[in-house]
Amino acid sequence: RALTDFYYGLQKVVNSIFAMCLLQRHQQPDREGRLVKACRSIWVC
């Protein structure tokens, strides 16, 4: 249970990182909206 809980939570994050990387391949940084920029500052923390 402890191991599956850990890897389940980790996979959710990894999937989202993967999705962001795929999407960023098709978008210019200067076209990014305020919502995504706000999220980026949270990721750094």
PDB file of all heavy atoms in Angstrom:
ATOM      1  N   ARG A   1       0.837  -1.217   0.000  1.00  0.00           N
ATOM      2  CA  ARG A   1       0.000   0.000   0.000  1.00  0.00           C
ATOM      3  C   ARG A   1       0.860   1.250   0.000  1.00  0.00           C
ATOM      4  O   ARG A   1       0.587   2.210  -0.730  1.00  0.00           O
ATOM      5  CB  ARG A   1      -0.943   0.002   1.210  1.00  0.00           C
ATOM      6  CG  ARG A   1      -2.214  -0.789   1.014  1.00  0.00           C
ATOM      7  CD  ARG A   1      -3.251  -0.424   2.070  1.00  0.00           C
ATOM      8  NE  ARG A   1      -2.765  -0.637   3.425  1.00  0.00           N
ATOM      9  CZ  ARG A   1      -2.861  -1.792   4.081  1.00  0.00           C
ATOM     10  NH1 ARG A   1      -3.398  -2.837   3.500  1.00  0.00           N
ATOM     11  NH2 ARG A   1      -2.404  -1.899   5.317  1.00  0.00           N
ATOM     12  N   ALA A   2       1.911   1.261   0.826  1.00  0.00           N
ATOM     13  CA  ALA A   2       2.784   2.436   0.903  1.00  0.00           C
ATOM     14  C   ALA A   2       3.486   2.683  -0.434  1.00  0.00           C
ATOM     15  O   ALA A   2       3.579   3.826  -0.904  1.00  0.00           O
ATOM     16  CB  ALA A   2       3.816   2.248   2.023  1.00  0.00           C
ATOM     17  N   LEU A   3       3.974   1.618  -1.054  1.00  0.00           N
ATOM     18  CA  LEU A   3       4.681   1.759  -2.331  1.00  0.00           C
ATOM     19  C   LEU A   3       3.731   2.194  -3.449  1.00  0.00           C
ATOM     20  O   LEU A   3       4.069   3.075  -4.250  1.00  0.00           O
ATOM     21  CB  LEU A   3       5.349   0.430  -2.699  1.00  0.00           C
ATOM     22  CG  LEU A   3       6.621   0.083  -1.904  1.00  0.00           C
ATOM     23  CD1 LEU A   3       6.979  -1.389  -2.084  1.00  0.00           C
ATOM     24  CD2 LEU A   3       7.782   0.973  -2.336  1.00  0.00           C
ATOM     25  N   THR A   4       2.557   1.594  -3.505  1.00  0.00           N
ATOM     26  CA  THR A   4       1.617   1.965  -4.571  1.00  0.00           C
ATOM     27  C   THR A   4       1.111   3.389  -4.389  1.00  0.00           C
ATOM     28  O   THR A   4       0.929   4.112  -5.372  1.00  0.00           O
ATOM     29  CB  THR A   4       0.439   0.985  -4.635  1.00  0.00           C
ATOM     30  OG1 THR A   4      -0.161   0.860  -3.342  1.00  0.00           O
ATOM     31  CG2 THR A   4       0.880  -0.388  -5.093  1.00  0.00           C
ATOM     32  N   ASP A   5       0.887   3.807  -3.154  1.00  0.00           N
ATOM     33  CA  ASP A   5       0.476   5.194  -2.909  1.00  0.00           C
ATOM     34  C   ASP A   5       1.546   6.165  -3.408  1.00  0.00           C
ATOM     35  O   ASP A   5       1.242   7.183  -4.042  1.00  0.00           O
ATOM     36  CB  ASP A   5       0.222   5.431  -1.414  1.00  0.00           C
ATOM     37  CG  ASP A   5      -1.081   4.813  -0.940  1.00  0.00           C
ATOM     38  OD1 ASP A   5      -1.878   4.377  -1.793  1.00  0.00           O
ATOM     39  OD2 ASP A   5      -1.298   4.753   0.285  1.00  0.00           O
ATOM     40  N   PHE A   6       2.812   5.833  -3.108  1.00  0.00           N
ATOM     41  CA  PHE A   6       3.913   6.707  -3.531  1.00  0.00           C
ATOM     42  C   PHE A   6       3.988   6.789  -5.045  1.00  0.00           C
ATOM     43  O   PHE A   6       4.032   7.882  -5.630  1.00  0.00           O
ATOM     44  CB  PHE A   6       5.238   6.191  -2.968  1.00  0.00           C
ATOM     45  CG  PHE A   6       6.445   6.871  -3.565  1.00  0.00           C
ATOM     46  CD1 PHE A   6       6.813   8.148  -3.155  1.00  0.00           C
ATOM     47  CD2 PHE A   6       7.195   6.251  -4.553  1.00  0.00           C
ATOM     48  CE1 PHE A   6       7.916   8.796  -3.720  1.00  0.00           C
ATOM     49  CE2 PHE A   6       8.298   6.887  -5.124  1.00  0.00           C
ATOM     50  CZ  PHE A   6       8.648   8.158  -4.699  1.00  0.00           C
ATOM     51  N   TYR A   7       3.994   5.640  -5.708  1.00  0.00           N
ATOM     52  CA  TYR A   7       4.160   5.632  -7.168  1.00  0.00           C
ATOM     53  C   TYR A   7       2.919   6.159  -7.889  1.00  0.00           C
ATOM     54  O   TYR A   7       3.029   6.729  -8.979  1.00  0.00           O
ATOM     55  CB  TYR A   7       4.515   4.233  -7.653  1.00  0.00           C
ATOM     56  CG  TYR A   7       5.980   3.904  -7.458  1.00  0.00           C
ATOM     57  CD1 TYR A   7       6.390   2.980  -6.502  1.00  0.00           C
ATOM     58  CD2 TYR A   7       6.952   4.540  -8.222  1.00  0.00           C
ATOM     59  CE1 TYR A   7       7.738   2.690  -6.318  1.00  0.00           C
ATOM     60  CE2 TYR A   7       8.303   4.262  -8.045  1.00  0.00           C
ATOM     61  CZ  TYR A   7       8.686   3.338  -7.093  1.00  0.00           C
ATOM     62  OH  TYR A   7      10.013   3.071  -6.909  1.00  0.00           O
ATOM     63  N   TYR A   8       1.759   5.991  -7.295  1.00  0.00           N
ATOM     64  CA  TYR A   8       0.537   6.549  -7.884  1.00  0.00           C
ATOM     65  C   TYR A   8       0.639   8.074  -7.921  1.00  0.00           C
ATOM     66  O   TYR A   8       0.371   8.712  -8.953  1.00  0.00           O
ATOM     67  CB  TYR A   8      -0.677   6.110  -7.077  1.00  0.00           C
ATOM     68  CG  TYR A   8      -2.004   6.512  -7.673  1.00  0.00           C
ATOM     69  CD1 TYR A   8      -2.662   5.691  -8.585  1.00  0.00           C
ATOM     70  CD2 TYR A   8      -2.620   7.712  -7.322  1.00  0.00           C
ATOM     71  CE1 TYR A   8      -3.885   6.052  -9.138  1.00  0.00           C
ATOM     72  CE2 TYR A   8      -3.836   8.083  -7.864  1.00  0.00           C
ATOM     73  CZ  TYR A   8      -4.464   7.248  -8.764  1.00  0.00           C
ATOM     74  OH  TYR A   8      -5.673   7.624  -9.310  1.00  0.00           O
ATOM     75  N   GLY A   9       1.021   8.667  -6.789  1.00  0.00           N
ATOM     76  CA  GLY A   9       1.172  10.121  -6.739  1.00  0.00           C
ATOM     77  C   GLY A   9       2.278  10.612  -7.654  1.00  0.00           C
ATOM     78  O   GLY A   9       2.142  11.652  -8.320  1.00  0.00           O
ATOM     79  N   LEU A  10       3.375   9.864  -7.716  1.00  0.00           N
ATOM     80  CA  LEU A  10       4.494  10.247  -8.579  1.00  0.00           C
ATOM     81  C   LEU A  10       4.095  10.187 -10.050  1.00  0.00           C
ATOM     82  O   LEU A  10       4.441  11.073 -10.843  1.00  0.00           O
ATOM     83  CB  LEU A  10       5.684   9.315  -8.316  1.00  0.00           C
ATOM     84  CG  LEU A  10       7.037   9.763  -8.861  1.00  0.00           C
ATOM     85  CD1 LEU A  10       7.535  11.002  -8.112  1.00  0.00           C
ATOM     86  CD2 LEU A  10       8.063   8.638  -8.734  1.00  0.00           C
ATOM     87  N   GLN A  11       3.326   9.158 -10.415  1.00  0.00           N
ATOM     88  CA  GLN A  11       2.921   9.018 -11.820  1.00  0.00           C
ATOM     89  C   GLN A  11       2.010  10.162 -12.258  1.00  0.00           C
ATOM     90  O   GLN A  11       2.085  10.609 -13.405  1.00  0.00           O
ATOM     91  CB  GLN A  11       2.217   7.675 -12.034  1.00  0.00           C
ATOM     92  CG  GLN A  11       1.873   7.353 -13.478  1.00  0.00           C
ATOM     93  CD  GLN A  11       3.045   6.798 -14.281  1.00  0.00           C
ATOM     94  OE1 GLN A  11       4.180   7.227 -14.095  1.00  0.00           O
ATOM     95  NE2 GLN A  11       2.766   5.860 -15.147  1.00  0.00           N
ATOM     96  N   LYS A  12       1.150  10.633 -11.366  1.00  0.00           N
ATOM     97  CA  LYS A  12       0.290  11.769 -11.725  1.00  0.00           C
ATOM     98  C   LYS A  12       1.137  12.984 -12.088  1.00  0.00           C
ATOM     99  O   LYS A  12       0.852  13.693 -13.058  1.00  0.00           O
ATOM    100  CB  LYS A  12      -0.639  12.125 -10.557  1.00  0.00           C
ATOM    101  CG  LYS A  12      -1.737  11.121 -10.286  1.00  0.00           C
ATOM    102  CD  LYS A  12      -2.806  11.679  -9.375  1.00  0.00           C
ATOM    103  CE  LYS A  12      -3.697  12.652 -10.134  1.00  0.00           C
ATOM    104  NZ  LYS A  12      -4.870  13.061  -9.341  1.00  0.00           N
ATOM    105  N   VAL A  13       2.190  13.216 -11.328  1.00  0.00           N
ATOM    106  CA  VAL A  13       3.065  14.351 -11.602  1.00  0.00           C
ATOM    107  C   VAL A  13       3.845  14.117 -12.891  1.00  0.00           C
ATOM    108  O   VAL A  13       3.954  15.017 -13.744  1.00  0.00           O
ATOM    109  CB  VAL A  13       4.034  14.583 -10.424  1.00  0.00           C
ATOM    110  CG1 VAL A  13       5.032  15.694 -10.743  1.00  0.00           C
ATOM    111  CG2 VAL A  13       3.246  14.936  -9.156  1.00  0.00           C
ATOM    112  N   VAL A  14       4.389  12.931 -13.061  1.00  0.00           N
ATOM    113  CA  VAL A  14       5.171  12.604 -14.256  1.00  0.00           C
ATOM    114  C   VAL A  14       4.310  12.726 -15.508  1.00  0.00           C
ATOM    115  O   VAL A  14       4.749  13.271 -16.535  1.00  0.00           O
ATOM    116  CB  VAL A  14       5.764  11.187 -14.126  1.00  0.00           C
ATOM    117  CG1 VAL A  14       6.330  10.700 -15.459  1.00  0.00           C
ATOM    118  CG2 VAL A  14       6.860  11.176 -13.064  1.00  0.00           C
ATOM    119  N   ASN A  15       3.072  12.229 -15.466  1.00  0.00           N
ATOM    120  CA  ASN A  15       2.182  12.350 -16.623  1.00  0.00           C
ATOM    121  C   ASN A  15       1.945  13.808 -16.999  1.00  0.00           C
ATOM    122  O   ASN A  15       1.930  14.165 -18.184  1.00  0.00           O
ATOM    123  CB  ASN A  15       0.841  11.681 -16.322  1.00  0.00           C
ATOM    124  CG  ASN A  15       0.876  10.172 -16.490  1.00  0.00           C
ATOM    125  OD1 ASN A  15       1.892   9.602 -16.875  1.00  0.00           O
ATOM    126  ND2 ASN A  15      -0.225   9.516 -16.190  1.00  0.00           N
ATOM    127  N   SER A  16       1.750  14.643 -15.988  1.00  0.00           N
ATOM    128  CA  SER A  16       1.491  16.059 -16.262  1.00  0.00           C
ATOM    129  C   SER A  16       2.732  16.774 -16.804  1.00  0.00           C
ATOM    130  O   SER A  16       2.632  17.640 -17.677  1.00  0.00           O
ATOM    131  CB  SER A  16       0.991  16.754 -14.989  1.00  0.00           C
ATOM    132  OG  SER A  16      -0.238  16.213 -14.566  1.00  0.00           O
ATOM    133  N   ILE A  17       3.908  16.410 -16.282  1.00  0.00           N
ATOM    134  CA  ILE A  17       5.154  16.971 -16.827  1.00  0.00           C
ATOM    135  C   ILE A  17       5.305  16.572 -18.290  1.00  0.00           C
ATOM    136  O   ILE A  17       5.646  17.388 -19.159  1.00  0.00           O
ATOM    137  CB  ILE A  17       6.371  16.485 -16.001  1.00  0.00           C
ATOM    138  CG1 ILE A  17       6.374  17.141 -14.617  1.00  0.00           C
ATOM    139  CG2 ILE A  17       7.677  16.801 -16.732  1.00  0.00           C
ATOM    140  CD1 ILE A  17       7.490  16.642 -13.703  1.00  0.00           C
ATOM    141  N   PHE A  18       5.037  15.305 -18.572  1.00  0.00           N
ATOM    142  CA  PHE A  18       5.115  14.794 -19.944  1.00  0.00           C
ATOM    143  C   PHE A  18       4.160  15.578 -20.846  1.00  0.00           C
ATOM    144  O   PHE A  18       4.530  16.021 -21.950  1.00  0.00           O
ATOM    145  CB  PHE A  18       4.755  13.305 -19.919  1.00  0.00           C
ATOM    146  CG  PHE A  18       5.161  12.525 -21.144  1.00  0.00           C
ATOM    147  CD1 PHE A  18       5.042  11.154 -21.161  1.00  0.00           C
ATOM    148  CD2 PHE A  18       5.657  13.157 -22.281  1.00  0.00           C
ATOM    149  CE1 PHE A  18       5.404  10.408 -22.279  1.00  0.00           C
ATOM    150  CE2 PHE A  18       6.030  12.421 -23.408  1.00  0.00           C
ATOM    151  CZ  PHE A  18       5.901  11.045 -23.394  1.00  0.00           C
ATOM    152  N   ALA A  19       2.924  15.770 -20.380  1.00  0.00           N
ATOM    153  CA  ALA A  19       1.930  16.502 -21.165  1.00  0.00           C
ATOM    154  C   ALA A  19       2.387  17.936 -21.432  1.00  0.00           C
ATOM    155  O   ALA A  19       2.267  18.447 -22.558  1.00  0.00           O
ATOM    156  CB  ALA A  19       0.582  16.496 -20.451  1.00  0.00           C
ATOM    157  N   MET A  20       2.919  18.593 -20.416  1.00  0.00           N
ATOM    158  CA  MET A  20       3.402  19.964 -20.590  1.00  0.00           C
ATOM    159  C   MET A  20       4.528  20.025 -21.617  1.00  0.00           C
ATOM    160  O   MET A  20       4.577  20.930 -22.461  1.00  0.00           O
ATOM    161  CB  MET A  20       3.888  20.530 -19.251  1.00  0.00           C
ATOM    162  CG  MET A  20       2.796  20.909 -18.269  1.00  0.00           C
ATOM    163  SD  MET A  20       1.710  22.233 -18.860  1.00  0.00           S
ATOM    164  CE  MET A  20       2.883  23.554 -19.147  1.00  0.00           C
ATOM    165  N   CYS A  21       5.452  19.079 -21.570  1.00  0.00           N
ATOM    166  CA  CYS A  21       6.567  19.066 -22.525  1.00  0.00           C
ATOM    167  C   CYS A  21       6.063  18.893 -23.950  1.00  0.00           C
ATOM    168  O   CYS A  21       6.549  19.554 -24.884  1.00  0.00           O
ATOM    169  CB  CYS A  21       7.535  17.936 -22.172  1.00  0.00           C
ATOM    170  SG  CYS A  21       8.476  18.211 -20.656  1.00  0.00           S
ATOM    171  N   LEU A  22       5.097  18.009 -24.145  1.00  0.00           N
ATOM    172  CA  LEU A  22       4.542  17.792 -25.482  1.00  0.00           C
ATOM    173  C   LEU A  22       3.852  19.048 -26.001  1.00  0.00           C
ATOM    174  O   LEU A  22       4.011  19.427 -27.169  1.00  0.00           O
ATOM    175  CB  LEU A  22       3.556  16.627 -25.451  1.00  0.00           C
ATOM    176  CG  LEU A  22       4.149  15.237 -25.224  1.00  0.00           C
ATOM    177  CD1 LEU A  22       3.034  14.212 -24.989  1.00  0.00           C
ATOM    178  CD2 LEU A  22       5.016  14.813 -26.404  1.00  0.00           C
ATOM    179  N   LEU A  23       3.090  19.702 -25.142  1.00  0.00           N
ATOM    180  CA  LEU A  23       2.356  20.901 -25.553  1.00  0.00           C
ATOM    181  C   LEU A  23       3.289  22.070 -25.843  1.00  0.00           C
ATOM    182  O   LEU A  23       3.062  22.849 -26.776  1.00  0.00           O
ATOM    183  CB  LEU A  23       1.338  21.279 -24.471  1.00  0.00           C
ATOM    184  CG  LEU A  23       0.157  20.323 -24.313  1.00  0.00           C
ATOM    185  CD1 LEU A  23      -0.579  20.577 -23.005  1.00  0.00           C
ATOM    186  CD2 LEU A  23      -0.803  20.456 -25.498  1.00  0.00           C
ATOM    187  N   GLN A  24       4.348  22.183 -25.047  1.00  0.00           N
ATOM    188  CA  GLN A  24       5.278  23.294 -25.231  1.00  0.00           C
ATOM    189  C   GLN A  24       6.028  23.210 -26.560  1.00  0.00           C
ATOM    190  O   GLN A  24       6.539  24.224 -27.062  1.00  0.00           O
ATOM    191  CB  GLN A  24       6.282  23.340 -24.069  1.00  0.00           C
ATOM    192  CG  GLN A  24       5.689  23.929 -22.803  1.00  0.00           C
ATOM    193  CD  GLN A  24       6.704  24.009 -21.673  1.00  0.00           C
ATOM    194  OE1 GLN A  24       6.332  24.201 -20.531  1.00  0.00           O
ATOM    195  NE2 GLN A  24       7.984  23.854 -21.963  1.00  0.00           N
ATOM    196  N   ARG A  25       6.108  22.021 -27.130  1.00  0.00           N
ATOM    197  CA  ARG A  25       6.781  21.890 -28.428  1.00  0.00           C
ATOM    198  C   ARG A  25       6.057  22.663 -29.520  1.00  0.00           C
ATOM    199  O   ARG A  25       6.618  22.965 -30.568  1.00  0.00           O
ATOM    200  CB  ARG A  25       6.844  20.406 -28.841  1.00  0.00           C
ATOM    201  CG  ARG A  25       7.728  19.571 -27.979  1.00  0.00           C
ATOM    202  CD  ARG A  25       8.217  18.335 -28.692  1.00  0.00           C
ATOM    203  NE  ARG A  25       7.185  17.373 -29.020  1.00  0.00           N
ATOM    204  CZ  ARG A  25       7.458  16.111 -29.389  1.00  0.00           C
ATOM    205  NH1 ARG A  25       8.722  15.713 -29.485  1.00  0.00           N
ATOM    206  NH2 ARG A  25       6.477  15.283 -29.676  1.00  0.00           N
ATOM    207  N   HIS A  26       4.787  22.964 -29.271  1.00  0.00           N
ATOM    208  CA  HIS A  26       3.959  23.584 -30.311  1.00  0.00           C
ATOM    209  C   HIS A  26       3.523  25.006 -29.925  1.00  0.00           C
ATOM    210  O   HIS A  26       2.587  25.535 -30.509  1.00  0.00           O
ATOM    211  CB  HIS A  26       2.719  22.721 -30.563  1.00  0.00           C
ATOM    212  CG  HIS A  26       3.046  21.301 -30.891  1.00  0.00           C
ATOM    213  ND1 HIS A  26       3.486  20.901 -32.136  1.00  0.00           N
ATOM    214  CD2 HIS A  26       3.026  20.183 -30.115  1.00  0.00           C
ATOM    215  CE1 HIS A  26       3.698  19.591 -32.124  1.00  0.00           C
ATOM    216  NE2 HIS A  26       3.432  19.134 -30.920  1.00  0.00           N
ATOM    217  N   GLN A  27       4.189  25.597 -28.936  1.00  0.00           N
ATOM    218  CA  GLN A  27       3.767  26.937 -28.495  1.00  0.00           C
ATOM    219  C   GLN A  27       4.984  27.806 -28.224  1.00  0.00           C
ATOM    220  O   GLN A  27       5.967  27.353 -27.615  1.00  0.00           O
ATOM    221  CB  GLN A  27       2.915  26.830 -27.233  1.00  0.00           C
ATOM    222  CG  GLN A  27       2.192  28.122 -26.890  1.00  0.00           C
ATOM    223  CD  GLN A  27       1.195  27.908 -25.763  1.00  0.00           C
ATOM    224  OE1 GLN A  27       1.583  27.583 -24.652  1.00  0.00           O
ATOM    225  NE2 GLN A  27      -0.083  28.088 -26.044  1.00  0.00           N
ATOM    226  N   GLN A  28       4.921  29.050 -28.647  1.00  0.00           N
ATOM    227  CA  GLN A  28       6.003  29.993 -28.395  1.00  0.00           C
ATOM    228  C   GLN A  28       5.910  30.516 -26.962  1.00  0.00           C
ATOM    229  O   GLN A  28       4.813  30.793 -26.463  1.00  0.00           O
ATOM    230  CB  GLN A  28       5.915  31.189 -29.365  1.00  0.00           C
ATOM    231  CG  GLN A  28       6.092  30.821 -30.832  1.00  0.00           C
ATOM    232  CD  GLN A  28       7.457  30.224 -31.100  1.00  0.00           C
ATOM    233  OE1 GLN A  28       8.461  30.680 -30.558  1.00  0.00           O
ATOM    234  NE2 GLN A  28       7.478  29.196 -31.937  1.00  0.00           N
ATOM    235  N   PRO A  29       7.064  30.678 -26.271  1.00  0.00           N
ATOM    236  CA  PRO A  29       7.039  31.164 -24.883  1.00  0.00           C
ATOM    237  C   PRO A  29       6.335  32.507 -24.717  1.00  0.00           C
ATOM    238  O   PRO A  29       5.682  32.752 -23.705  1.00  0.00           O
ATOM    239  CB  PRO A  29       8.535  31.280 -24.536  1.00  0.00           C
ATOM    240  CG  PRO A  29       9.217  30.325 -25.465  1.00  0.00           C
ATOM    241  CD  PRO A  29       8.416  30.350 -26.728  1.00  0.00           C
ATOM    242  N   ASP A  30       6.458  33.393 -25.718  1.00  0.00           N
ATOM    243  CA  ASP A  30       5.851  34.722 -25.575  1.00  0.00           C
ATOM    244  C   ASP A  30       4.335  34.692 -25.746  1.00  0.00           C
ATOM    245  O   ASP A  30       3.663  35.710 -25.565  1.00  0.00           O
ATOM    246  CB  ASP A  30       6.486  35.715 -26.562  1.00  0.00           C
ATOM    247  CG  ASP A  30       6.350  35.250 -28.011  1.00  0.00           C
ATOM    248  OD1 ASP A  30       5.806  34.147 -28.247  1.00  0.00           O
ATOM    249  OD2 ASP A  30       6.800  35.991 -28.901  1.00  0.00           O
ATOM    250  N   ARG A  31       3.785  33.510 -26.132  1.00  0.00           N
ATOM    251  CA  ARG A  31       2.338  33.388 -26.289  1.00  0.00           C
ATOM    252  C   ARG A  31       1.682  32.792 -25.036  1.00  0.00           C
ATOM    253  O   ARG A  31       0.481  32.558 -25.014  1.00  0.00           O
ATOM    254  CB  ARG A  31       2.022  32.466 -27.487  1.00  0.00           C
ATOM    255  CG  ARG A  31       2.595  32.945 -28.815  1.00  0.00           C
ATOM    256  CD  ARG A  31       1.781  34.052 -29.436  1.00  0.00           C
ATOM    257  NE  ARG A  31       0.402  33.632 -29.707  1.00  0.00           N
ATOM    258  CZ  ARG A  31       0.027  33.001 -30.806  1.00  0.00           C
ATOM    259  NH1 ARG A  31       0.935  32.669 -31.732  1.00  0.00           N
ATOM    260  NH2 ARG A  31      -1.245  32.694 -30.997  1.00  0.00           N
ATOM    261  N   GLU A  32       2.458  32.589 -24.007  1.00  0.00           N
ATOM    262  CA  GLU A  32       1.955  31.908 -22.807  1.00  0.00           C
ATOM    263  C   GLU A  32       1.087  32.847 -21.970  1.00  0.00           C
ATOM    264  O   GLU A  32       1.426  34.014 -21.751  1.00  0.00           O
ATOM    265  CB  GLU A  32       3.142  31.412 -21.970  1.00  0.00           C
ATOM    266  CG  GLU A  32       2.767  30.431 -20.889  1.00  0.00           C
ATOM    267  CD  GLU A  32       4.007  29.758 -20.332  1.00  0.00           C
ATOM    268  OE1 GLU A  32       4.627  30.339 -19.419  1.00  0.00           O
ATOM    269  OE2 GLU A  32       4.363  28.674 -20.817  1.00  0.00           O
ATOM    270  N   GLY A  33      -0.029  32.319 -21.479  1.00  0.00           N
ATOM    271  CA  GLY A  33      -0.961  33.126 -20.694  1.00  0.00           C
ATOM    272  C   GLY A  33      -0.558  33.283 -19.243  1.00  0.00           C
ATOM    273  O   GLY A  33       0.365  32.615 -18.749  1.00  0.00           O
ATOM    274  N   ARG A  34      -1.263  34.157 -18.538  1.00  0.00           N
ATOM    275  CA  ARG A  34      -0.936  34.456 -17.146  1.00  0.00           C
ATOM    276  C   ARG A  34      -1.128  33.251 -16.234  1.00  0.00           C
ATOM    277  O   ARG A  34      -0.390  33.071 -15.258  1.00  0.00           O
ATOM    278  CB  ARG A  34      -1.787  35.622 -16.643  1.00  0.00           C
ATOM    279  CG  ARG A  34      -1.370  36.978 -17.215  1.00  0.00           C
ATOM    280  CD  ARG A  34      -2.190  38.097 -16.615  1.00  0.00           C
ATOM    281  NE  ARG A  34      -3.612  37.947 -16.925  1.00  0.00           N
ATOM    282  CZ  ARG A  34      -4.570  38.727 -16.432  1.00  0.00           C
ATOM    283  NH1 ARG A  34      -4.261  39.703 -15.591  1.00  0.00           N
ATOM    284  NH2 ARG A  34      -5.838  38.550 -16.781  1.00  0.00           N
ATOM    285  N   LEU A  35      -2.137  32.429 -16.548  1.00  0.00           N
ATOM    286  CA  LEU A  35      -2.419  31.275 -15.693  1.00  0.00           C
ATOM    287  C   LEU A  35      -1.232  30.306 -15.678  1.00  0.00           C
ATOM    288  O   LEU A  35      -0.805  29.842 -14.601  1.00  0.00           O
ATOM    289  CB  LEU A  35      -3.679  30.553 -16.178  1.00  0.00           C
ATOM    290  CG  LEU A  35      -4.087  29.304 -15.394  1.00  0.00           C
ATOM    291  CD1 LEU A  35      -4.399  29.653 -13.956  1.00  0.00           C
ATOM    292  CD2 LEU A  35      -5.270  28.618 -16.043  1.00  0.00           C
ATOM    293  N   VAL A  36      -0.686  30.016 -16.838  1.00  0.00           N
ATOM    294  CA  VAL A  36       0.447  29.086 -16.905  1.00  0.00           C
ATOM    295  C   VAL A  36       1.666  29.702 -16.228  1.00  0.00           C
ATOM    296  O   VAL A  36       2.410  29.000 -15.521  1.00  0.00           O
ATOM    297  CB  VAL A  36       0.752  28.724 -18.368  1.00  0.00           C
ATOM    298  CG1 VAL A  36       1.974  27.808 -18.458  1.00  0.00           C
ATOM    299  CG2 VAL A  36      -0.453  28.050 -19.018  1.00  0.00           C
ATOM    300  N   LYS A  37       1.877  30.998 -16.421  1.00  0.00           N
ATOM    301  CA  LYS A  37       3.013  31.665 -15.761  1.00  0.00           C
ATOM    302  C   LYS A  37       2.881  31.602 -14.239  1.00  0.00           C
ATOM    303  O   LYS A  37       3.872  31.397 -13.525  1.00  0.00           O
ATOM    304  CB  LYS A  37       3.094  33.118 -16.225  1.00  0.00           C
ATOM    305  CG  LYS A  37       3.543  33.276 -17.670  1.00  0.00           C
ATOM    306  CD  LYS A  37       3.577  34.742 -18.084  1.00  0.00           C
ATOM    307  CE  LYS A  37       4.033  34.883 -19.533  1.00  0.00           C
ATOM    308  NZ  LYS A  37       4.001  36.295 -20.006  1.00  0.00           N
ATOM    309  N   ALA A  38       1.657  31.759 -13.743  1.00  0.00           N
ATOM    310  CA  ALA A  38       1.434  31.664 -12.293  1.00  0.00           C
ATOM    311  C   ALA A  38       1.755  30.257 -11.793  1.00  0.00           C
ATOM    312  O   ALA A  38       2.338  30.083 -10.721  1.00  0.00           O
ATOM    313  CB  ALA A  38      -0.017  32.022 -11.964  1.00  0.00           C
ATOM    314  N   CYS A  39       1.384  29.262 -12.589  1.00  0.00           N
ATOM    315  CA  CYS A  39       1.672  27.877 -12.204  1.00  0.00           C
ATOM    316  C   CYS A  39       3.179  27.632 -12.174  1.00  0.00           C
ATOM    317  O   CYS A  39       3.685  26.932 -11.286  1.00  0.00           O
ATOM    318  CB  CYS A  39       1.006  26.909 -13.170  1.00  0.00           C
ATOM    319  SG  CYS A  39      -0.794  26.820 -13.017  1.00  0.00           S
ATOM    320  N   ARG A  40       3.906  28.206 -13.129  1.00  0.00           N
ATOM    321  CA  ARG A  40       5.353  27.987 -13.190  1.00  0.00           C
ATOM    322  C   ARG A  40       6.033  28.479 -11.907  1.00  0.00           C
ATOM    323  O   ARG A  40       6.956  27.830 -11.395  1.00  0.00           O
ATOM    324  CB  ARG A  40       5.952  28.716 -14.396  1.00  0.00           C
ATOM    325  CG  ARG A  40       5.664  28.056 -15.709  1.00  0.00           C
ATOM    326  CD  ARG A  40       6.479  28.692 -16.833  1.00  0.00           C
ATOM    327  NE  ARG A  40       6.044  28.186 -18.119  1.00  0.00           N
ATOM    328  CZ  ARG A  40       6.422  27.031 -18.637  1.00  0.00           C
ATOM    329  NH1 ARG A  40       7.249  26.267 -17.958  1.00  0.00           N
ATOM    330  NH2 ARG A  40       5.981  26.629 -19.820  1.00  0.00           N
ATOM    331  N   SER A  41       5.603  29.592 -11.390  1.00  0.00           N
ATOM    332  CA  SER A  41       6.225  30.113 -10.161  1.00  0.00           C
ATOM    333  C   SER A  41       5.975  29.176  -8.987  1.00  0.00           C
ATOM    334  O   SER A  41       6.825  29.028  -8.098  1.00  0.00           O
ATOM    335  CB  SER A  41       5.692  31.516  -9.861  1.00  0.00           C
ATOM    336  OG  SER A  41       4.302  31.486  -9.574  1.00  0.00           O
ATOM    337  N   ILE A  42       4.810  28.521  -8.991  1.00  0.00           N
ATOM    338  CA  ILE A  42       4.507  27.556  -7.929  1.00  0.00           C
ATOM    339  C   ILE A  42       5.386  26.315  -8.077  1.00  0.00           C
ATOM    340  O   ILE A  42       5.870  25.760  -7.086  1.00  0.00           O
ATOM    341  CB  ILE A  42       3.014  27.178  -7.954  1.00  0.00           C
ATOM    342  CG1 ILE A  42       2.151  28.416  -7.668  1.00  0.00           C
ATOM    343  CG2 ILE A  42       2.711  26.069  -6.945  1.00  0.00           C
ATOM    344  CD1 ILE A  42       0.654  28.162  -7.789  1.00  0.00           C
ATOM    345  N   TRP A  43       5.632  25.878  -9.334  1.00  0.00           N
ATOM    346  CA  TRP A  43       6.467  24.694  -9.542  1.00  0.00           C
ATOM    347  C   TRP A  43       7.870  24.911  -8.986  1.00  0.00           C
ATOM    348  O   TRP A  43       8.470  23.995  -8.422  1.00  0.00           O
ATOM    349  CB  TRP A  43       6.564  24.365 -11.033  1.00  0.00           C
ATOM    350  CG  TRP A  43       5.251  24.101 -11.691  1.00  0.00           C
ATOM    351  CD1 TRP A  43       4.063  23.804 -11.070  1.00  0.00           C
ATOM    352  CD2 TRP A  43       4.969  24.151 -13.087  1.00  0.00           C
ATOM    353  NE1 TRP A  43       3.057  23.667 -12.006  1.00  0.00           N
ATOM    354  CE2 TRP A  43       3.583  23.864 -13.247  1.00  0.00           C
ATOM    355  CE3 TRP A  43       5.739  24.397 -14.225  1.00  0.00           C
ATOM    356  CZ2 TRP A  43       2.979  23.824 -14.500  1.00  0.00           C
ATOM    357  CZ3 TRP A  43       5.141  24.352 -15.471  1.00  0.00           C
ATOM    358  CH2 TRP A  43       3.776  24.068 -15.607  1.00  0.00           C
ATOM    359  N   VAL A  44       8.398  26.116  -9.168  1.00  0.00           N
ATOM    360  CA  VAL A  44       9.748  26.414  -8.670  1.00  0.00           C
ATOM    361  C   VAL A  44       9.793  26.254  -7.152  1.00  0.00           C
ATOM    362  O   VAL A  44      10.749  25.686  -6.600  1.00  0.00           O
ATOM    363  CB  VAL A  44      10.175  27.833  -9.086  1.00  0.00           C
ATOM    364  CG1 VAL A  44      11.500  28.212  -8.426  1.00  0.00           C
ATOM    365  CG2 VAL A  44      10.295  27.932 -10.604  1.00  0.00           C
ATOM    366  N   CYS A  45       8.745  26.719  -6.476  1.00  0.00           N
ATOM    367  CA  CYS A  45       8.687  26.571  -5.007  1.00  0.00           C
ATOM    368  C   CYS A  45       8.541  25.108  -4.606  1.00  0.00           C
ATOM    369  O   CYS A  45       9.232  24.625  -3.701  1.00  0.00           O
ATOM    370  CB  CYS A  45       7.523  27.385  -4.435  1.00  0.00           C
ATOM    371  SG  CYS A  45       7.681  29.166  -4.625  1.00  0.00           S
TER     372      CYS A  45
END
